[in-house]
Structures are given as structure tokens and as C-alpha cells.
């Protein structure tokens, strides 16, 4: 198998997952371990070949949330639901992804740099501020682009106060 190609796992109608790289059935717990080991994989519906990786990962998250101490509060989940269909949905998804990547990177750095925590915390604060500023710039650009486009389109029309 080419190391650039994802490991293929097939999900059969009986809900079992077959790992083609090791030629055996695996459990969701083993899929979770692949994630933790940073193994690149794709889960396909065995019948259709459709990529169902996201739904299996969501299933793992659901199981994790139901036991132990959850990461997502009810309010966080409600807010996530509200983002679907919003004009900024793509920006929010990008922000969450970049935030999690940054958080994971900071965790690794924290583990490596425990000997100088003040310097490290300053670096974290600066990175977080930059990430937040970039997100705000993106939001404002998107909002400004949309509103300026709207204004130029109706520039010569009188304003309607009934809106």
C-alpha cells in the first residue's frame, strides 16, 4: 500500500467494519485508536463505495460523549446546530478546524516546554490573538463584501422603509 493513500476500511450492512490493510474486522474502539495514532484512513460503504468516514467519526464522538465526562455541553451543541445553514457556516467550520489544530499544537508544545511556562504562555496568547484577529478579519471581509455588493446593486433606488 502506498503510504500517501488512506487505509481503506469497509462498512458492511451487518454494521461490521473490515480493515483491508490487515484483512480483518475491527471495532469502533480500534478505529478510535487509528485516529489517536494519526493513521490516515477512509471508511467506505461496502455496497456503494460512498465515503462514510465522517458519520463513523461522529458515532465515535457520540459514544465518547455518552460515557465519562463530555466535551460538549448542551449549550455548545445547540450553538453548533444554529450555525448550520448560516451564511458564515463555512467560516465557522474553518475556524473550528484551525482552532483544534492550534490547540493540539499548543498541547504538544506545553508538554515539551514545561521548563519555561511563562514564555510559552506568552506565545500561546499571541497565537490565539492572531487566530482570533484573522477570524474577525474574515468575518468582516465577508460581511463587507456582501453588504457593499448589496448597496452597489441598489445604489440608485430609493430606500424602502417597510423592510
N, C-alpha and C. Protein backbone atom coordinates (compact mmCIF):
# COMPACT_ATOMS: atom_id res chain seq x y z
N UNK A 1 0.84 -1.19 0.00
CA UNK A 1 0.00 0.00 0.00
C UNK A 1 0.88 1.25 0.00
N UNK A 2 0.56 2.19 -0.86
CA UNK A 2 1.27 3.46 -0.92
C UNK A 2 0.99 4.23 0.37
N UNK A 3 2.03 4.79 0.99
CA UNK A 3 1.86 5.49 2.26
C UNK A 3 1.08 6.78 2.11
N UNK A 4 0.96 7.31 0.89
CA UNK A 4 0.17 8.52 0.67
C UNK A 4 -1.32 8.23 0.55
N UNK A 5 -1.66 6.99 0.27
CA UNK A 5 -3.06 6.62 0.13
C UNK A 5 -3.64 6.27 1.49
N UNK A 6 -4.90 6.64 1.71
CA UNK A 6 -5.51 6.31 3.00
C UNK A 6 -5.77 4.81 3.13
N UNK A 7 -5.73 4.36 4.34
CA UNK A 7 -6.08 2.98 4.66
C UNK A 7 -7.59 2.85 4.45
N UNK A 8 -8.02 1.80 3.78
CA UNK A 8 -9.44 1.63 3.46
C UNK A 8 -10.09 0.67 4.45
N UNK A 9 -11.19 1.14 5.02
CA UNK A 9 -12.00 0.32 5.91
C UNK A 9 -13.39 0.28 5.29
N UNK A 10 -13.93 -0.91 5.17
CA UNK A 10 -15.25 -1.06 4.55
C UNK A 10 -16.28 -1.40 5.62
N UNK A 11 -17.42 -0.71 5.52
CA UNK A 11 -18.51 -0.99 6.46
C UNK A 11 -19.56 -1.81 5.72
N UNK A 12 -19.86 -2.97 6.27
CA UNK A 12 -20.82 -3.88 5.66
C UNK A 12 -22.21 -3.68 6.25
N UNK A 13 -23.24 -4.16 5.55
CA UNK A 13 -24.61 -3.98 6.03
C UNK A 13 -24.85 -4.52 7.44
N UNK A 14 -24.06 -5.51 7.85
CA UNK A 14 -24.20 -6.06 9.21
C UNK A 14 -23.54 -5.15 10.25
N UNK A 15 -23.15 -3.94 9.83
CA UNK A 15 -22.55 -2.91 10.68
C UNK A 15 -21.11 -3.21 11.08
N UNK A 16 -20.52 -4.24 10.51
CA UNK A 16 -19.13 -4.57 10.84
C UNK A 16 -18.19 -3.80 9.94
N UNK A 17 -17.04 -3.48 10.51
CA UNK A 17 -16.01 -2.71 9.81
C UNK A 17 -14.85 -3.64 9.45
N UNK A 18 -14.50 -3.67 8.17
CA UNK A 18 -13.43 -4.55 7.70
C UNK A 18 -12.25 -3.70 7.25
N UNK A 19 -11.12 -3.88 7.93
CA UNK A 19 -9.90 -3.14 7.62
C UNK A 19 -9.14 -3.91 6.55
N UNK A 20 -9.08 -3.34 5.35
CA UNK A 20 -8.44 -4.04 4.22
C UNK A 20 -6.92 -4.11 4.37
N UNK A 21 -6.34 -3.24 5.18
CA UNK A 21 -4.88 -3.24 5.36
C UNK A 21 -4.42 -4.44 6.18
N UNK A 22 -5.25 -4.88 7.12
CA UNK A 22 -4.86 -6.01 7.97
C UNK A 22 -5.75 -7.23 7.76
N UNK A 23 -6.67 -7.11 6.80
CA UNK A 23 -7.56 -8.21 6.40
C UNK A 23 -8.32 -8.85 7.57
N UNK A 24 -8.97 -7.98 8.36
CA UNK A 24 -9.82 -8.49 9.44
C UNK A 24 -10.82 -7.43 9.87
N UNK A 25 -11.85 -7.89 10.57
CA UNK A 25 -12.84 -6.96 11.10
C UNK A 25 -12.27 -6.23 12.30
N UNK A 26 -12.66 -4.96 12.43
CA UNK A 26 -12.20 -4.16 13.57
C UNK A 26 -13.40 -3.51 14.25
N UNK A 27 -13.17 -3.03 15.45
CA UNK A 27 -14.22 -2.38 16.23
C UNK A 27 -14.10 -0.86 16.13
N UNK A 28 -15.12 -0.17 16.63
CA UNK A 28 -15.04 1.29 16.69
C UNK A 28 -13.89 1.73 17.59
N UNK A 29 -13.63 0.95 18.63
CA UNK A 29 -12.52 1.28 19.53
C UNK A 29 -11.20 1.26 18.75
N UNK A 30 -11.06 0.30 17.85
CA UNK A 30 -9.83 0.22 17.04
C UNK A 30 -9.76 1.39 16.04
N UNK A 31 -10.91 1.81 15.52
CA UNK A 31 -10.92 2.99 14.64
C UNK A 31 -10.49 4.21 15.44
N UNK A 32 -11.00 4.33 16.66
CA UNK A 32 -10.60 5.43 17.54
C UNK A 32 -9.09 5.41 17.76
N UNK A 33 -8.52 4.23 17.96
CA UNK A 33 -7.06 4.11 18.13
C UNK A 33 -6.31 4.55 16.88
N UNK A 34 -6.85 4.23 15.70
CA UNK A 34 -6.22 4.69 14.46
C UNK A 34 -6.18 6.22 14.42
N UNK A 35 -7.29 6.84 14.85
CA UNK A 35 -7.34 8.31 14.90
C UNK A 35 -6.27 8.83 15.84
N UNK A 36 -6.17 8.24 17.02
CA UNK A 36 -5.19 8.69 18.01
C UNK A 36 -3.76 8.50 17.52
N UNK A 37 -3.55 7.50 16.67
CA UNK A 37 -2.21 7.23 16.12
C UNK A 37 -1.94 8.04 14.85
N UNK A 38 -2.88 8.91 14.48
CA UNK A 38 -2.75 9.76 13.29
C UNK A 38 -2.64 8.95 12.00
N UNK A 39 -3.29 7.80 11.95
CA UNK A 39 -3.31 6.99 10.74
C UNK A 39 -4.36 7.59 9.79
N UNK A 40 -3.98 7.80 8.54
CA UNK A 40 -4.92 8.31 7.55
C UNK A 40 -5.74 7.14 7.02
N UNK A 41 -7.06 7.28 7.11
CA UNK A 41 -7.93 6.21 6.63
C UNK A 41 -9.21 6.78 6.06
N UNK A 42 -9.90 5.93 5.33
CA UNK A 42 -11.21 6.29 4.79
C UNK A 42 -12.13 5.09 5.02
N UNK A 43 -13.33 5.38 5.49
CA UNK A 43 -14.31 4.32 5.71
C UNK A 43 -15.33 4.43 4.59
N UNK A 44 -15.52 3.31 3.89
CA UNK A 44 -16.43 3.29 2.74
C UNK A 44 -17.57 2.33 3.00
N UNK A 45 -18.74 2.68 2.49
CA UNK A 45 -19.86 1.76 2.49
C UNK A 45 -19.50 0.64 1.52
N UNK A 46 -19.54 -0.60 1.99
CA UNK A 46 -19.10 -1.73 1.16
C UNK A 46 -19.96 -1.91 -0.08
N UNK A 47 -21.23 -1.56 0.00
CA UNK A 47 -22.13 -1.72 -1.14
C UNK A 47 -21.94 -0.63 -2.18
N UNK A 48 -21.92 0.62 -1.74
CA UNK A 48 -21.93 1.76 -2.67
C UNK A 48 -20.56 2.38 -2.91
N UNK A 49 -19.61 2.13 -2.00
CA UNK A 49 -18.30 2.77 -2.10
C UNK A 49 -18.29 4.19 -1.58
N UNK A 50 -19.44 4.66 -1.09
CA UNK A 50 -19.56 6.03 -0.57
C UNK A 50 -18.65 6.22 0.65
N UNK A 51 -18.02 7.39 0.72
CA UNK A 51 -17.17 7.73 1.86
C UNK A 51 -18.07 8.07 3.05
N UNK A 52 -18.02 7.25 4.09
CA UNK A 52 -18.85 7.46 5.28
C UNK A 52 -17.97 7.72 6.52
N UNK A 53 -16.75 8.16 6.29
CA UNK A 53 -15.81 8.39 7.38
C UNK A 53 -16.39 9.35 8.42
N UNK A 54 -16.95 10.46 7.97
CA UNK A 54 -17.49 11.45 8.91
C UNK A 54 -18.56 10.85 9.82
N UNK A 55 -19.47 10.07 9.25
CA UNK A 55 -20.54 9.51 10.08
C UNK A 55 -20.00 8.53 11.11
N UNK A 56 -18.97 7.78 10.77
CA UNK A 56 -18.37 6.85 11.74
C UNK A 56 -17.63 7.64 12.82
N UNK A 57 -16.92 8.68 12.43
CA UNK A 57 -16.24 9.52 13.43
C UNK A 57 -17.25 10.18 14.36
N UNK A 58 -18.37 10.64 13.81
CA UNK A 58 -19.42 11.21 14.65
C UNK A 58 -19.99 10.17 15.61
N UNK A 59 -20.10 8.94 15.14
CA UNK A 59 -20.57 7.84 16.00
C UNK A 59 -19.60 7.63 17.17
N UNK A 60 -18.31 7.69 16.89
CA UNK A 60 -17.30 7.54 17.95
C UNK A 60 -17.43 8.69 18.95
N UNK A 61 -17.59 9.91 18.43
CA UNK A 61 -17.75 11.06 19.32
C UNK A 61 -19.00 10.89 20.18
N UNK A 62 -20.09 10.46 19.58
CA UNK A 62 -21.34 10.25 20.32
C UNK A 62 -21.14 9.26 21.46
N UNK A 63 -20.47 8.15 21.17
CA UNK A 63 -20.20 7.16 22.22
C UNK A 63 -19.33 7.75 23.33
N UNK A 64 -18.33 8.53 22.95
CA UNK A 64 -17.46 9.15 23.95
C UNK A 64 -18.23 10.15 24.80
N UNK A 65 -19.12 10.90 24.16
CA UNK A 65 -19.90 11.91 24.88
C UNK A 65 -20.88 11.28 25.86
N UNK A 66 -21.37 10.08 25.54
CA UNK A 66 -22.36 9.42 26.40
C UNK A 66 -21.75 8.81 27.65
N UNK A 67 -20.47 8.54 27.60
CA UNK A 67 -19.83 7.98 28.80
C UNK A 67 -18.75 8.93 29.29
N UNK A 68 -18.49 8.87 30.55
CA UNK A 68 -17.45 9.73 31.10
C UNK A 68 -17.86 11.18 31.14
N UNK A 69 -16.87 12.05 31.05
CA UNK A 69 -17.13 13.49 31.09
C UNK A 69 -17.14 14.04 29.67
N UNK A 70 -18.28 14.55 29.22
CA UNK A 70 -18.37 15.03 27.84
C UNK A 70 -17.57 16.31 27.60
N UNK A 71 -17.18 16.51 26.36
CA UNK A 71 -16.50 17.74 25.95
C UNK A 71 -17.54 18.80 25.61
N UNK A 72 -18.63 18.39 24.97
CA UNK A 72 -19.65 19.33 24.51
C UNK A 72 -20.79 19.45 25.51
N UNK A 73 -21.05 20.68 25.94
CA UNK A 73 -22.22 20.93 26.79
C UNK A 73 -23.45 21.02 25.89
N UNK A 74 -24.62 20.97 26.48
CA UNK A 74 -25.85 21.11 25.70
C UNK A 74 -25.89 22.45 24.98
N UNK A 75 -25.43 23.50 25.66
CA UNK A 75 -25.43 24.84 25.04
C UNK A 75 -24.48 24.88 23.84
N UNK A 76 -23.31 24.24 23.95
CA UNK A 76 -22.38 24.20 22.82
C UNK A 76 -23.00 23.48 21.63
N UNK A 77 -23.66 22.36 21.91
CA UNK A 77 -24.29 21.60 20.83
C UNK A 77 -25.42 22.40 20.18
N UNK A 78 -26.20 23.10 21.01
CA UNK A 78 -27.27 23.95 20.47
C UNK A 78 -26.69 25.04 19.57
N UNK A 79 -25.59 25.63 20.00
CA UNK A 79 -24.95 26.68 19.20
C UNK A 79 -24.42 26.10 17.89
N UNK A 80 -23.84 24.92 17.93
CA UNK A 80 -23.36 24.28 16.70
C UNK A 80 -24.51 24.08 15.72
N UNK A 81 -25.64 23.62 16.23
CA UNK A 81 -26.81 23.40 15.37
C UNK A 81 -27.25 24.72 14.73
N UNK A 82 -27.18 25.80 15.48
CA UNK A 82 -27.58 27.11 14.95
C UNK A 82 -26.68 27.57 13.80
N UNK A 83 -25.44 27.12 13.78
CA UNK A 83 -24.52 27.53 12.71
C UNK A 83 -24.88 26.90 11.37
N UNK A 84 -25.55 25.76 11.37
CA UNK A 84 -25.90 25.10 10.11
C UNK A 84 -26.87 25.97 9.33
N UNK A 85 -26.55 26.19 8.07
CA UNK A 85 -27.40 27.00 7.21
C UNK A 85 -27.14 28.49 7.32
N UNK A 86 -26.33 28.89 8.28
CA UNK A 86 -25.99 30.31 8.45
C UNK A 86 -25.03 30.71 7.34
N UNK A 87 -25.06 31.97 6.97
CA UNK A 87 -24.17 32.44 5.89
C UNK A 87 -22.70 32.30 6.25
N UNK A 88 -22.39 32.23 7.54
CA UNK A 88 -21.00 32.11 7.97
C UNK A 88 -20.61 30.67 8.30
N UNK A 89 -21.42 29.70 7.90
CA UNK A 89 -21.16 28.30 8.24
C UNK A 89 -19.76 27.86 7.82
N UNK A 90 -19.35 28.20 6.63
CA UNK A 90 -18.02 27.80 6.14
C UNK A 90 -16.90 28.41 6.96
N UNK A 91 -17.08 29.67 7.35
CA UNK A 91 -16.07 30.33 8.17
C UNK A 91 -15.99 29.68 9.55
N UNK A 92 -17.15 29.36 10.11
CA UNK A 92 -17.19 28.73 11.43
C UNK A 92 -16.49 27.37 11.38
N UNK A 93 -16.77 26.58 10.35
CA UNK A 93 -16.14 25.27 10.22
C UNK A 93 -14.62 25.42 10.11
N UNK A 94 -14.18 26.37 9.30
CA UNK A 94 -12.74 26.62 9.14
C UNK A 94 -12.12 27.08 10.46
N UNK A 95 -12.82 27.94 11.18
CA UNK A 95 -12.33 28.44 12.46
C UNK A 95 -12.19 27.29 13.46
N UNK A 96 -13.22 26.43 13.55
CA UNK A 96 -13.14 25.30 14.48
C UNK A 96 -11.97 24.39 14.14
N UNK A 97 -11.81 24.10 12.86
CA UNK A 97 -10.72 23.22 12.45
C UNK A 97 -9.36 23.82 12.81
N UNK A 98 -9.16 25.09 12.47
CA UNK A 98 -7.88 25.74 12.78
C UNK A 98 -7.67 25.86 14.28
N UNK A 99 -8.74 26.12 15.02
CA UNK A 99 -8.63 26.23 16.48
C UNK A 99 -8.20 24.90 17.09
N UNK A 100 -8.79 23.80 16.62
CA UNK A 100 -8.41 22.49 17.16
C UNK A 100 -6.98 22.12 16.80
N UNK A 101 -6.57 22.44 15.58
CA UNK A 101 -5.18 22.18 15.17
C UNK A 101 -4.23 22.99 16.05
N UNK A 102 -4.56 24.26 16.26
CA UNK A 102 -3.73 25.12 17.10
C UNK A 102 -3.70 24.60 18.54
N UNK A 103 -4.86 24.20 19.05
CA UNK A 103 -4.94 23.69 20.42
C UNK A 103 -4.07 22.44 20.58
N UNK A 104 -4.15 21.52 19.62
CA UNK A 104 -3.34 20.29 19.68
C UNK A 104 -1.85 20.62 19.61
N UNK A 105 -1.50 21.57 18.76
CA UNK A 105 -0.10 22.00 18.65
C UNK A 105 0.37 22.61 19.96
N UNK A 106 -0.47 23.43 20.57
CA UNK A 106 -0.12 24.05 21.84
C UNK A 106 0.02 23.01 22.95
N UNK A 107 -0.83 22.00 22.93
CA UNK A 107 -0.71 20.91 23.91
C UNK A 107 0.64 20.23 23.79
N UNK A 108 1.03 19.93 22.55
CA UNK A 108 2.34 19.30 22.33
C UNK A 108 3.47 20.20 22.81
N UNK A 109 3.37 21.48 22.47
CA UNK A 109 4.40 22.44 22.89
C UNK A 109 4.45 22.56 24.41
N UNK A 110 3.29 22.56 25.05
CA UNK A 110 3.23 22.66 26.51
C UNK A 110 3.94 21.48 27.15
N UNK A 111 3.70 20.30 26.60
CA UNK A 111 4.37 19.11 27.13
C UNK A 111 5.89 19.22 26.97
N UNK A 112 6.32 19.77 25.85
CA UNK A 112 7.76 19.90 25.58
C UNK A 112 8.41 21.02 26.38
N UNK A 113 7.66 22.08 26.67
CA UNK A 113 8.24 23.29 27.26
C UNK A 113 7.80 23.55 28.68
N UNK A 114 7.59 22.53 29.45
CA UNK A 114 7.14 22.72 30.83
C UNK A 114 8.19 23.46 31.67
N UNK A 115 9.44 23.45 31.23
CA UNK A 115 10.51 24.10 32.00
C UNK A 115 10.44 25.62 31.93
N UNK A 116 9.78 26.21 30.93
CA UNK A 116 9.69 27.67 30.82
C UNK A 116 8.24 28.08 30.53
N UNK A 117 7.34 27.93 31.51
CA UNK A 117 5.92 28.14 31.26
C UNK A 117 5.53 29.59 30.94
N UNK A 118 6.21 30.58 31.50
CA UNK A 118 5.84 31.98 31.26
C UNK A 118 6.04 32.34 29.79
N UNK A 119 7.19 32.01 29.25
CA UNK A 119 7.47 32.29 27.84
C UNK A 119 6.47 31.55 26.95
N UNK A 120 6.20 30.32 27.30
CA UNK A 120 5.29 29.52 26.49
C UNK A 120 3.87 30.11 26.52
N UNK A 121 3.40 30.52 27.70
CA UNK A 121 2.06 31.07 27.81
C UNK A 121 1.94 32.39 27.03
N UNK A 122 3.01 33.16 26.99
CA UNK A 122 3.01 34.39 26.19
C UNK A 122 2.85 34.05 24.71
N UNK A 123 3.59 33.04 24.26
CA UNK A 123 3.48 32.59 22.86
C UNK A 123 2.06 32.12 22.54
N UNK A 124 1.47 31.36 23.45
CA UNK A 124 0.10 30.87 23.24
C UNK A 124 -0.86 32.04 23.12
N UNK A 125 -0.74 33.01 24.02
CA UNK A 125 -1.64 34.18 23.98
C UNK A 125 -1.50 34.91 22.65
N UNK A 126 -0.27 35.07 22.16
CA UNK A 126 -0.05 35.76 20.89
C UNK A 126 -0.66 34.97 19.73
N UNK A 127 -0.49 33.66 19.72
CA UNK A 127 -1.06 32.83 18.66
C UNK A 127 -2.59 32.89 18.68
N UNK A 128 -3.17 32.82 19.88
CA UNK A 128 -4.62 32.88 20.00
C UNK A 128 -5.16 34.22 19.53
N UNK A 129 -4.46 35.29 19.88
CA UNK A 129 -4.87 36.63 19.45
C UNK A 129 -4.82 36.74 17.93
N UNK A 130 -3.76 36.20 17.32
CA UNK A 130 -3.64 36.24 15.86
C UNK A 130 -4.76 35.44 15.21
N UNK A 131 -5.06 34.24 15.75
CA UNK A 131 -6.13 33.41 15.20
C UNK A 131 -7.47 34.15 15.28
N UNK A 132 -7.75 34.76 16.42
CA UNK A 132 -8.99 35.49 16.62
C UNK A 132 -9.07 36.69 15.66
N UNK A 133 -7.96 37.42 15.50
CA UNK A 133 -7.93 38.57 14.60
C UNK A 133 -8.17 38.13 13.16
N UNK A 134 -7.53 37.03 12.75
CA UNK A 134 -7.73 36.51 11.40
C UNK A 134 -9.19 36.13 11.17
N UNK A 135 -9.81 35.50 12.16
CA UNK A 135 -11.21 35.13 12.03
C UNK A 135 -12.08 36.37 11.89
N UNK A 136 -11.84 37.37 12.74
CA UNK A 136 -12.63 38.60 12.67
C UNK A 136 -12.44 39.28 11.32
N UNK A 137 -11.22 39.33 10.83
CA UNK A 137 -10.96 39.93 9.52
C UNK A 137 -11.75 39.21 8.44
N UNK A 138 -11.77 37.88 8.51
CA UNK A 138 -12.52 37.07 7.56
C UNK A 138 -14.01 37.38 7.63
N UNK A 139 -14.53 37.44 8.84
CA UNK A 139 -15.96 37.72 9.03
C UNK A 139 -16.30 39.10 8.48
N UNK A 140 -15.48 40.10 8.82
CA UNK A 140 -15.75 41.45 8.36
C UNK A 140 -15.63 41.56 6.84
N UNK A 141 -14.65 40.89 6.26
CA UNK A 141 -14.50 40.92 4.80
C UNK A 141 -15.72 40.31 4.14
N UNK A 142 -16.18 39.18 4.68
CA UNK A 142 -17.35 38.51 4.12
C UNK A 142 -18.58 39.40 4.27
N UNK A 143 -18.77 39.96 5.46
CA UNK A 143 -19.92 40.83 5.70
C UNK A 143 -19.84 42.09 4.84
N UNK A 144 -18.66 42.70 4.76
CA UNK A 144 -18.49 43.92 3.99
C UNK A 144 -18.71 43.66 2.51
N UNK A 145 -18.16 42.55 2.03
CA UNK A 145 -18.31 42.20 0.62
C UNK A 145 -19.79 42.03 0.29
N UNK A 146 -20.50 41.32 1.15
CA UNK A 146 -21.93 41.11 0.93
C UNK A 146 -22.71 42.39 1.00
N UNK A 147 -22.41 43.25 1.99
CA UNK A 147 -23.18 44.49 2.14
C UNK A 147 -22.81 45.50 1.07
N UNK A 148 -21.54 45.58 0.67
CA UNK A 148 -21.16 46.55 -0.37
C UNK A 148 -21.74 46.13 -1.71
N UNK A 149 -21.81 44.83 -1.95
CA UNK A 149 -22.41 44.32 -3.18
C UNK A 149 -23.89 44.67 -3.20
N UNK A 150 -24.52 44.54 -2.06
CA UNK A 150 -25.94 44.84 -1.94
C UNK A 150 -26.19 46.33 -2.19
N UNK A 151 -25.32 47.19 -1.62
CA UNK A 151 -25.51 48.63 -1.77
C UNK A 151 -25.25 49.10 -3.20
N UNK A 152 -24.25 48.55 -3.84
CA UNK A 152 -23.96 49.00 -5.20
C UNK A 152 -25.05 48.55 -6.16
N UNK A 153 -25.67 47.45 -5.87
CA UNK A 153 -26.72 46.92 -6.73
C UNK A 153 -27.95 47.84 -6.70
N UNK A 154 -28.28 48.36 -5.54
CA UNK A 154 -29.47 49.18 -5.36
C UNK A 154 -29.14 50.65 -5.17
N UNK A 155 -27.99 51.08 -5.62
CA UNK A 155 -27.49 52.42 -5.37
C UNK A 155 -28.46 53.51 -5.81
N UNK A 156 -29.10 53.37 -6.95
CA UNK A 156 -29.96 54.42 -7.49
C UNK A 156 -31.42 54.25 -7.11
N UNK A 157 -31.74 53.25 -6.32
CA UNK A 157 -33.12 53.04 -5.91
C UNK A 157 -33.36 53.69 -4.57
N UNK A 158 -34.54 54.29 -4.37
CA UNK A 158 -34.84 54.88 -3.06
C UNK A 158 -34.96 53.80 -2.01
N UNK A 159 -34.63 54.16 -0.76
CA UNK A 159 -34.72 53.19 0.33
C UNK A 159 -36.17 52.95 0.65
N UNK A 160 -36.50 51.71 0.95
CA UNK A 160 -37.85 51.33 1.32
C UNK A 160 -37.89 51.18 2.82
N UNK A 161 -38.68 51.96 3.50
CA UNK A 161 -38.72 51.92 4.96
C UNK A 161 -39.61 50.81 5.48
N UNK A 162 -40.23 50.02 4.60
CA UNK A 162 -41.10 48.93 5.04
C UNK A 162 -40.35 47.67 5.39
N UNK A 163 -39.03 47.60 5.16
CA UNK A 163 -38.24 46.39 5.41
C UNK A 163 -38.17 46.05 6.84
